[in-house]
């Protein structure tokens, strides 16, 4: 089901992986070749001695602390996007 034309993920906390950071935030919409995420945290591979996978497992279990109120990610940079609930904590 789409939410007011915003897409299937509207309002869902998603994981957006890129070649750089992985982002975890509430999906708002895709427009003009960008994803708009709200209440976003990000993590680079190896940051604080933690892999992206380890960070995502911890995020799935305990949640995230937002670093950005909103963030736009160009869709050309997106490797994958899925709901955070798909990750086992």
Protein backbone atom coordinates (compact mmCIF):
# COMPACT_ATOMS: atom_id res chain seq x y z
CA UNK A 1 0.00 0.00 0.00
CA UNK A 2 1.31 3.47 -0.81
CA UNK A 3 0.84 6.33 1.63
CA UNK A 4 -0.49 9.47 -0.06
CA UNK A 5 1.80 8.84 -3.04
CA UNK A 6 4.91 8.67 -0.84
CA UNK A 7 5.67 4.98 -1.52
CA UNK A 8 5.50 1.67 0.31
CA UNK A 9 8.15 2.61 2.88
CA UNK A 10 6.60 5.96 3.92
CA UNK A 11 6.85 6.27 7.72
CA UNK A 12 8.91 3.07 8.09
CA UNK A 13 12.41 3.04 9.60
CA UNK A 14 14.67 1.86 6.81
CA UNK A 15 18.28 0.89 6.24
CA UNK A 16 19.80 2.56 3.18
CA UNK A 17 23.19 1.14 2.24
CA UNK A 18 25.63 2.98 -0.01
CA UNK A 19 29.27 2.42 -0.98
CA UNK A 20 30.04 4.91 1.80
CA UNK A 21 27.87 5.11 4.90
CA UNK A 22 24.82 3.11 5.78
CA UNK A 23 21.87 5.26 6.87
CA UNK A 24 19.06 4.35 9.25
CA UNK A 25 16.09 6.68 9.31
CA UNK A 26 12.38 7.07 8.77
CA UNK A 27 11.58 7.05 5.06
CA UNK A 28 9.53 10.02 3.92
CA UNK A 29 9.63 9.98 0.12
CA UNK A 30 11.61 9.56 -3.08
CA UNK A 31 11.60 12.64 -5.28
CA UNK A 32 13.85 14.19 -7.90
CA UNK A 33 16.30 11.28 -7.72
CA UNK A 34 16.72 11.46 -3.94
CA UNK A 35 15.44 9.61 -0.90
CA UNK A 36 14.34 11.86 1.95
CA UNK A 37 14.95 10.30 5.37
CA UNK A 38 13.98 11.78 8.74
CA UNK A 39 15.59 11.29 12.18
CA UNK A 40 18.67 9.72 10.58
CA UNK A 41 21.78 8.04 11.95
CA UNK A 42 24.71 7.01 9.78
CA UNK A 43 27.66 4.68 10.10
CA UNK A 44 30.81 4.17 8.02
CA UNK A 45 32.42 0.73 7.76
CA UNK A 46 34.93 0.41 10.63
CA UNK A 47 33.74 3.55 12.44
CA UNK A 48 34.36 3.13 16.17
CA UNK A 49 35.81 -0.32 15.39
CA UNK A 50 32.41 -1.57 14.24
CA UNK A 51 31.38 -3.02 10.87
CA UNK A 52 28.19 -1.90 9.13
CA UNK A 53 26.66 -5.31 9.92
CA UNK A 54 27.47 -5.03 13.63
CA UNK A 55 26.10 -1.48 13.72
CA UNK A 56 22.86 -2.60 12.04
CA UNK A 57 22.36 -5.53 14.42
CA UNK A 58 22.84 -3.17 17.36
CA UNK A 59 20.48 -0.61 15.79
CA UNK A 60 17.82 -3.27 15.23
CA UNK A 61 18.07 -4.29 18.86
CA UNK A 62 18.39 -0.93 20.62
CA UNK A 63 17.32 1.71 18.08
CA UNK A 64 19.33 4.66 16.78
CA UNK A 65 20.27 8.12 17.98
CA UNK A 66 19.59 10.62 15.25
CA UNK A 67 22.52 12.62 13.91
CA UNK A 68 20.41 14.45 11.33
CA UNK A 69 16.82 15.70 11.51
CA UNK A 70 16.57 15.04 7.77
CA UNK A 71 18.91 13.81 5.07
CA UNK A 72 18.70 13.36 1.31
CA UNK A 73 20.45 10.41 -0.28
CA UNK A 74 20.85 10.41 -4.08
CA UNK A 75 19.19 7.26 -5.46
CA UNK A 76 22.23 6.62 -7.71
CA UNK A 77 24.27 6.02 -4.52
CA UNK A 78 21.81 3.51 -3.04
CA UNK A 79 22.95 -0.11 -3.09
CA UNK A 80 19.96 -1.40 -1.15
CA UNK A 81 17.07 -0.30 1.02
CA UNK A 82 15.07 -2.44 3.43
CA UNK A 83 13.09 -2.08 6.61
CA UNK A 84 15.14 -2.11 9.82
CA UNK A 85 12.75 -4.77 11.12
CA UNK A 86 14.21 -7.21 8.55
CA UNK A 87 17.49 -7.27 10.51
CA UNK A 88 17.91 -9.60 13.46
CA UNK A 89 19.22 -7.90 16.58
